[in-house]
Amino acid sequence: MESHESTLCKLAIGDDAYIEALLVRDSANLEASQLEPKAHALVRLGALVAVDAAAPSYMAVISLARRCGASDDEIVGCLIAVLPSLGVARVVSAAPRLGLALGFDVLEALEAIEPS
């Protein structure tokens, strides 16, 4: 079997040893993913959006993405990238949380521009 086929089989059967190794060390997860570090971090961010994660959950992934060279525009671009797959409601829900994790209060900014 090729590497990707072996990996799919291990994941499909829930191979405890394989999965544990991927969860214990971020470096092992990164290596096994065969993704570039920045792409790996951005994929993880997309997963947080998919599960409707709370704002604090974004902090570590955004820090990692920035350390891997992702710009704030690329980080926000993840919302655009997942929009067709996850839908408008999920992205609308995630935008203020992602903003807070980036140090930008979206809701406050919107209140400041809305007419009273």
N, C-alpha and C. Protein backbone atom coordinates (compact mmCIF):
# COMPACT_ATOMS: atom_id res chain seq x y z
N MET A 1 0.83 -1.18 0.00
CA MET A 1 0.00 0.00 0.00
C MET A 1 0.87 1.24 0.00
N GLU A 2 0.36 2.27 -0.68
CA GLU A 2 1.05 3.56 -0.66
C GLU A 2 0.81 4.24 0.67
N SER A 3 1.59 5.24 0.98
CA SER A 3 1.53 5.93 2.26
C SER A 3 0.14 6.47 2.57
N HIS A 4 -0.47 7.14 1.61
CA HIS A 4 -1.79 7.71 1.88
C HIS A 4 -2.84 6.62 2.10
N GLU A 5 -2.66 5.48 1.43
CA GLU A 5 -3.61 4.39 1.61
C GLU A 5 -3.45 3.77 3.00
N SER A 6 -2.21 3.61 3.43
CA SER A 6 -1.94 3.08 4.76
C SER A 6 -2.49 4.02 5.84
N THR A 7 -2.28 5.31 5.63
CA THR A 7 -2.79 6.29 6.59
C THR A 7 -4.30 6.24 6.67
N LEU A 8 -4.98 6.17 5.53
CA LEU A 8 -6.44 6.08 5.54
C LEU A 8 -6.93 4.83 6.27
N CYS A 9 -6.25 3.72 6.07
CA CYS A 9 -6.63 2.48 6.76
C CYS A 9 -6.46 2.62 8.27
N LYS A 10 -5.33 3.20 8.71
CA LYS A 10 -5.10 3.38 10.15
C LYS A 10 -6.15 4.29 10.77
N LEU A 11 -6.51 5.35 10.05
CA LEU A 11 -7.53 6.26 10.57
C LEU A 11 -8.91 5.61 10.56
N ALA A 12 -9.21 4.87 9.51
CA ALA A 12 -10.52 4.23 9.38
C ALA A 12 -10.79 3.20 10.47
N ILE A 13 -9.75 2.52 10.91
CA ILE A 13 -9.95 1.51 11.97
C ILE A 13 -9.72 2.09 13.35
N GLY A 14 -9.35 3.37 13.40
CA GLY A 14 -9.10 4.00 14.70
C GLY A 14 -7.88 3.41 15.39
N ASP A 15 -6.80 3.21 14.64
CA ASP A 15 -5.56 2.65 15.18
C ASP A 15 -5.08 3.52 16.34
N ASP A 16 -5.29 3.01 17.56
CA ASP A 16 -4.99 3.79 18.77
C ASP A 16 -3.56 4.28 18.84
N ALA A 17 -2.60 3.42 18.55
CA ALA A 17 -1.19 3.81 18.65
C ALA A 17 -0.85 4.91 17.64
N TYR A 18 -1.35 4.75 16.43
CA TYR A 18 -1.09 5.75 15.38
C TYR A 18 -1.72 7.09 15.76
N ILE A 19 -2.97 7.07 16.14
CA ILE A 19 -3.69 8.30 16.48
C ILE A 19 -3.06 8.96 17.71
N GLU A 20 -2.72 8.17 18.71
CA GLU A 20 -2.09 8.73 19.91
C GLU A 20 -0.78 9.44 19.56
N ALA A 21 0.00 8.84 18.68
CA ALA A 21 1.26 9.46 18.26
C ALA A 21 1.03 10.80 17.58
N LEU A 22 -0.07 10.90 16.82
CA LEU A 22 -0.38 12.15 16.13
C LEU A 22 -0.92 13.22 17.07
N LEU A 23 -1.52 12.79 18.17
CA LEU A 23 -2.10 13.74 19.12
C LEU A 23 -1.11 14.21 20.17
N VAL A 24 -0.12 13.38 20.49
CA VAL A 24 0.81 13.70 21.57
C VAL A 24 1.77 14.82 21.19
N ARG A 25 2.28 14.79 19.99
CA ARG A 25 3.28 15.78 19.57
C ARG A 25 2.82 16.50 18.31
N ASP A 26 2.78 17.82 18.40
CA ASP A 26 2.42 18.61 17.22
C ASP A 26 3.38 18.36 16.07
N SER A 27 4.65 18.16 16.39
CA SER A 27 5.64 17.94 15.32
C SER A 27 5.36 16.63 14.58
N ALA A 28 4.90 15.61 15.28
CA ALA A 28 4.56 14.35 14.62
C ALA A 28 3.34 14.53 13.73
N ASN A 29 2.38 15.30 14.22
CA ASN A 29 1.18 15.58 13.43
C ASN A 29 1.54 16.34 12.16
N LEU A 30 2.36 17.35 12.30
CA LEU A 30 2.80 18.14 11.15
C LEU A 30 3.52 17.27 10.14
N GLU A 31 4.45 16.48 10.61
CA GLU A 31 5.22 15.61 9.71
C GLU A 31 4.32 14.62 8.99
N ALA A 32 3.42 13.99 9.72
CA ALA A 32 2.53 12.98 9.12
C ALA A 32 1.56 13.61 8.12
N SER A 33 1.20 14.87 8.35
CA SER A 33 0.25 15.53 7.44
C SER A 33 0.86 15.81 6.07
N GLN A 34 2.17 15.92 6.02
CA GLN A 34 2.91 16.24 4.80
C GLN A 34 2.53 17.61 4.23
N LEU A 35 2.03 18.48 5.10
CA LEU A 35 1.71 19.85 4.72
C LEU A 35 2.84 20.78 5.15
N GLU A 36 2.94 21.90 4.47
CA GLU A 36 3.86 22.94 4.91
C GLU A 36 3.33 23.49 6.24
N PRO A 37 4.20 23.96 7.12
CA PRO A 37 3.74 24.44 8.43
C PRO A 37 2.63 25.49 8.39
N LYS A 38 2.75 26.46 7.48
CA LYS A 38 1.71 27.49 7.40
C LYS A 38 0.38 26.89 6.97
N ALA A 39 0.40 26.03 5.96
CA ALA A 39 -0.83 25.39 5.50
C ALA A 39 -1.44 24.54 6.61
N HIS A 40 -0.60 23.84 7.35
CA HIS A 40 -1.05 22.99 8.45
C HIS A 40 -1.79 23.84 9.49
N ALA A 41 -1.22 24.98 9.85
CA ALA A 41 -1.85 25.85 10.84
C ALA A 41 -3.17 26.41 10.31
N LEU A 42 -3.22 26.77 9.04
CA LEU A 42 -4.45 27.32 8.48
C LEU A 42 -5.54 26.27 8.36
N VAL A 43 -5.17 25.04 8.09
CA VAL A 43 -6.15 23.95 8.07
C VAL A 43 -6.73 23.76 9.47
N ARG A 44 -5.87 23.81 10.46
CA ARG A 44 -6.36 23.68 11.85
C ARG A 44 -7.31 24.81 12.19
N LEU A 45 -7.03 26.00 11.71
CA LEU A 45 -7.94 27.13 11.92
C LEU A 45 -9.29 26.86 11.25
N GLY A 46 -9.26 26.35 10.04
CA GLY A 46 -10.50 26.02 9.35
C GLY A 46 -11.33 25.00 10.12
N ALA A 47 -10.66 24.07 10.77
CA ALA A 47 -11.36 23.08 11.59
C ALA A 47 -12.04 23.72 12.78
N LEU A 48 -11.40 24.72 13.38
CA LEU A 48 -12.03 25.43 14.50
C LEU A 48 -13.31 26.14 14.04
N VAL A 49 -13.25 26.73 12.87
CA VAL A 49 -14.45 27.37 12.32
C VAL A 49 -15.53 26.32 12.10
N ALA A 50 -15.14 25.17 11.59
CA ALA A 50 -16.11 24.10 11.29
C ALA A 50 -16.84 23.60 12.53
N VAL A 51 -16.15 23.56 13.65
CA VAL A 51 -16.79 23.05 14.88
C VAL A 51 -17.37 24.17 15.73
N ASP A 52 -17.36 25.40 15.21
CA ASP A 52 -17.92 26.55 15.92
C ASP A 52 -17.24 26.74 17.28
N ALA A 53 -15.92 26.71 17.26
CA ALA A 53 -15.12 26.80 18.49
C ALA A 53 -15.28 28.16 19.15
N ALA A 54 -15.06 28.18 20.45
CA ALA A 54 -15.11 29.41 21.23
C ALA A 54 -13.87 30.26 20.94
N ALA A 55 -13.99 31.55 21.17
CA ALA A 55 -12.90 32.50 20.86
C ALA A 55 -11.55 32.08 21.45
N PRO A 56 -11.48 31.65 22.71
CA PRO A 56 -10.16 31.28 23.26
C PRO A 56 -9.48 30.14 22.50
N SER A 57 -10.26 29.29 21.87
CA SER A 57 -9.68 28.17 21.11
C SER A 57 -8.85 28.65 19.93
N TYR A 58 -9.17 29.82 19.43
CA TYR A 58 -8.46 30.35 18.27
C TYR A 58 -7.07 30.87 18.60
N MET A 59 -6.85 31.26 19.84
CA MET A 59 -5.60 31.93 20.21
C MET A 59 -4.35 31.12 19.85
N ALA A 60 -4.29 29.87 20.27
CA ALA A 60 -3.09 29.06 20.02
C ALA A 60 -2.87 28.82 18.54
N VAL A 61 -3.94 28.57 17.80
CA VAL A 61 -3.80 28.29 16.38
C VAL A 61 -3.38 29.55 15.62
N ILE A 62 -3.91 30.68 16.00
CA ILE A 62 -3.51 31.93 15.35
C ILE A 62 -2.05 32.25 15.66
N SER A 63 -1.65 32.03 16.90
CA SER A 63 -0.25 32.24 17.26
C SER A 63 0.66 31.33 16.43
N LEU A 64 0.27 30.07 16.29
CA LEU A 64 1.04 29.13 15.48
C LEU A 64 1.08 29.58 14.02
N ALA A 65 -0.06 29.97 13.48
CA ALA A 65 -0.11 30.41 12.08
C ALA A 65 0.80 31.61 11.85
N ARG A 66 0.76 32.56 12.77
CA ARG A 66 1.64 33.73 12.65
C ARG A 66 3.11 33.33 12.72
N ARG A 67 3.46 32.43 13.64
CA ARG A 67 4.85 31.96 13.73
C ARG A 67 5.29 31.26 12.45
N CYS A 68 4.33 30.67 11.75
CA CYS A 68 4.65 29.96 10.50
C CYS A 68 4.60 30.88 9.29
N GLY A 69 4.40 32.18 9.53
CA GLY A 69 4.47 33.15 8.45
C GLY A 69 3.13 33.57 7.86
N ALA A 70 2.02 33.15 8.45
CA ALA A 70 0.72 33.56 7.92
C ALA A 70 0.43 35.00 8.34
N SER A 71 -0.05 35.77 7.39
CA SER A 71 -0.44 37.14 7.68
C SER A 71 -1.87 37.14 8.25
N ASP A 72 -2.25 38.24 8.85
CA ASP A 72 -3.62 38.34 9.34
C ASP A 72 -4.61 38.25 8.19
N ASP A 73 -4.25 38.76 7.03
CA ASP A 73 -5.12 38.65 5.86
C ASP A 73 -5.31 37.19 5.45
N GLU A 74 -4.24 36.40 5.51
CA GLU A 74 -4.35 34.98 5.19
C GLU A 74 -5.19 34.24 6.23
N ILE A 75 -5.02 34.63 7.49
CA ILE A 75 -5.80 34.01 8.56
C ILE A 75 -7.28 34.29 8.36
N VAL A 76 -7.63 35.53 8.08
CA VAL A 76 -9.03 35.88 7.80
C VAL A 76 -9.49 35.22 6.51
N GLY A 77 -8.58 35.05 5.57
CA GLY A 77 -8.90 34.37 4.31
C GLY A 77 -9.41 32.95 4.52
N CYS A 78 -9.07 32.36 5.65
CA CYS A 78 -9.61 31.02 5.96
C CYS A 78 -11.13 31.04 6.03
N LEU A 79 -11.69 32.14 6.53
CA LEU A 79 -13.15 32.24 6.58
C LEU A 79 -13.74 32.24 5.17
N ILE A 80 -13.06 32.91 4.25
CA ILE A 80 -13.52 32.94 2.87
C ILE A 80 -13.40 31.54 2.26
N ALA A 81 -12.30 30.87 2.54
CA ALA A 81 -12.05 29.54 1.96
C ALA A 81 -13.07 28.51 2.42
N VAL A 82 -13.49 28.58 3.67
CA VAL A 82 -14.44 27.57 4.19
C VAL A 82 -15.89 27.94 3.95
N LEU A 83 -16.16 29.14 3.52
CA LEU A 83 -17.53 29.60 3.31
C LEU A 83 -18.37 28.66 2.44
N PRO A 84 -17.89 28.24 1.27
CA PRO A 84 -18.72 27.35 0.45
C PRO A 84 -19.01 25.99 1.10
N SER A 85 -18.08 25.51 1.90
CA SER A 85 -18.26 24.20 2.53
C SER A 85 -19.07 24.27 3.81
N LEU A 86 -18.87 25.31 4.60
CA LEU A 86 -19.50 25.38 5.92
C LEU A 86 -20.77 26.22 5.95
N GLY A 87 -20.89 27.13 5.02
CA GLY A 87 -22.08 27.95 4.96
C GLY A 87 -21.92 29.29 5.64
N VAL A 88 -22.86 30.15 5.32
CA VAL A 88 -22.82 31.53 5.80
C VAL A 88 -22.95 31.60 7.32
N ALA A 89 -23.88 30.87 7.89
CA ALA A 89 -24.13 30.97 9.34
C ALA A 89 -22.89 30.65 10.15
N ARG A 90 -22.15 29.63 9.77
CA ARG A 90 -20.96 29.23 10.52
C ARG A 90 -19.88 30.30 10.41
N VAL A 91 -19.70 30.86 9.24
CA VAL A 91 -18.67 31.88 9.04
C VAL A 91 -19.05 33.18 9.75
N VAL A 92 -20.32 33.55 9.69
CA VAL A 92 -20.79 34.74 10.39
C VAL A 92 -20.56 34.58 11.90
N SER A 93 -20.81 33.39 12.41
CA SER A 93 -20.60 33.11 13.83
C SER A 93 -19.12 33.18 14.20
N ALA A 94 -18.26 32.71 13.31
CA ALA A 94 -16.83 32.65 13.59
C ALA A 94 -16.12 34.00 13.45
N ALA A 95 -16.62 34.88 12.61
CA ALA A 95 -15.91 36.13 12.32
C ALA A 95 -15.60 36.96 13.56
N PRO A 96 -16.57 37.21 14.45
CA PRO A 96 -16.23 38.00 15.64
C PRO A 96 -15.24 37.28 16.56
N ARG A 97 -15.34 35.96 16.65
CA ARG A 97 -14.42 35.20 17.50
C ARG A 97 -13.00 35.25 16.94
N LEU A 98 -12.90 35.07 15.65
CA LEU A 98 -11.58 35.15 15.02
C LEU A 98 -11.02 36.56 15.17
N GLY A 99 -11.87 37.56 15.01
CA GLY A 99 -11.43 38.93 15.19
C GLY A 99 -10.86 39.17 16.58
N LEU A 100 -11.57 38.71 17.61
CA LEU A 100 -11.07 38.87 18.98
C LEU A 100 -9.71 38.21 19.15
N ALA A 101 -9.55 37.03 18.57
CA ALA A 101 -8.27 36.33 18.69
C ALA A 101 -7.14 37.07 17.97
N LEU A 102 -7.52 37.85 16.96
CA LEU A 102 -6.54 38.66 16.24
C LEU A 102 -6.31 40.02 16.90
N GLY A 103 -7.10 40.30 17.95
CA GLY A 103 -6.95 41.58 18.63
C GLY A 103 -7.86 42.66 18.08
N PHE A 104 -8.90 42.26 17.37
CA PHE A 104 -9.83 43.21 16.76
C PHE A 104 -11.24 42.86 17.19
N ASP A 105 -11.94 43.81 17.80
CA ASP A 105 -13.31 43.59 18.26
C ASP A 105 -14.26 43.97 17.13
N VAL A 106 -14.71 42.99 16.39
CA VAL A 106 -15.58 43.21 15.24
C VAL A 106 -16.89 43.88 15.68
N LEU A 107 -17.49 43.37 16.74
CA LEU A 107 -18.77 43.90 17.18
C LEU A 107 -18.66 45.36 17.60
N GLU A 108 -17.59 45.70 18.30
CA GLU A 108 -17.35 47.09 18.69
C GLU A 108 -17.18 47.98 17.45
N ALA A 109 -16.44 47.49 16.49
CA ALA A 109 -16.22 48.25 15.26
C ALA A 109 -17.54 48.46 14.52
N LEU A 110 -18.39 47.45 14.48
CA LEU A 110 -19.67 47.58 13.81
C LEU A 110 -20.58 48.58 14.53
N GLU A 111 -20.57 48.56 15.86
CA GLU A 111 -21.37 49.52 16.63
C GLU A 111 -20.91 50.95 16.37
N ALA A 112 -19.63 51.13 16.16
CA ALA A 112 -19.09 52.48 15.94
C ALA A 112 -19.50 53.04 14.59
N ILE A 113 -19.76 52.19 13.61
CA ILE A 113 -20.10 52.70 12.26
C ILE A 113 -21.60 52.72 12.00
N GLU A 114 -22.38 52.01 12.83
CA GLU A 114 -23.83 52.00 12.62
C GLU A 114 -24.42 53.33 13.05
N PRO A 115 -25.36 53.84 12.22
CA PRO A 115 -26.01 55.10 12.61
C PRO A 115 -26.89 54.90 13.85
N SER A 116 -26.95 55.91 14.71
CA SER A 116 -27.74 55.77 15.94
C SER A 116 -29.16 56.23 15.74
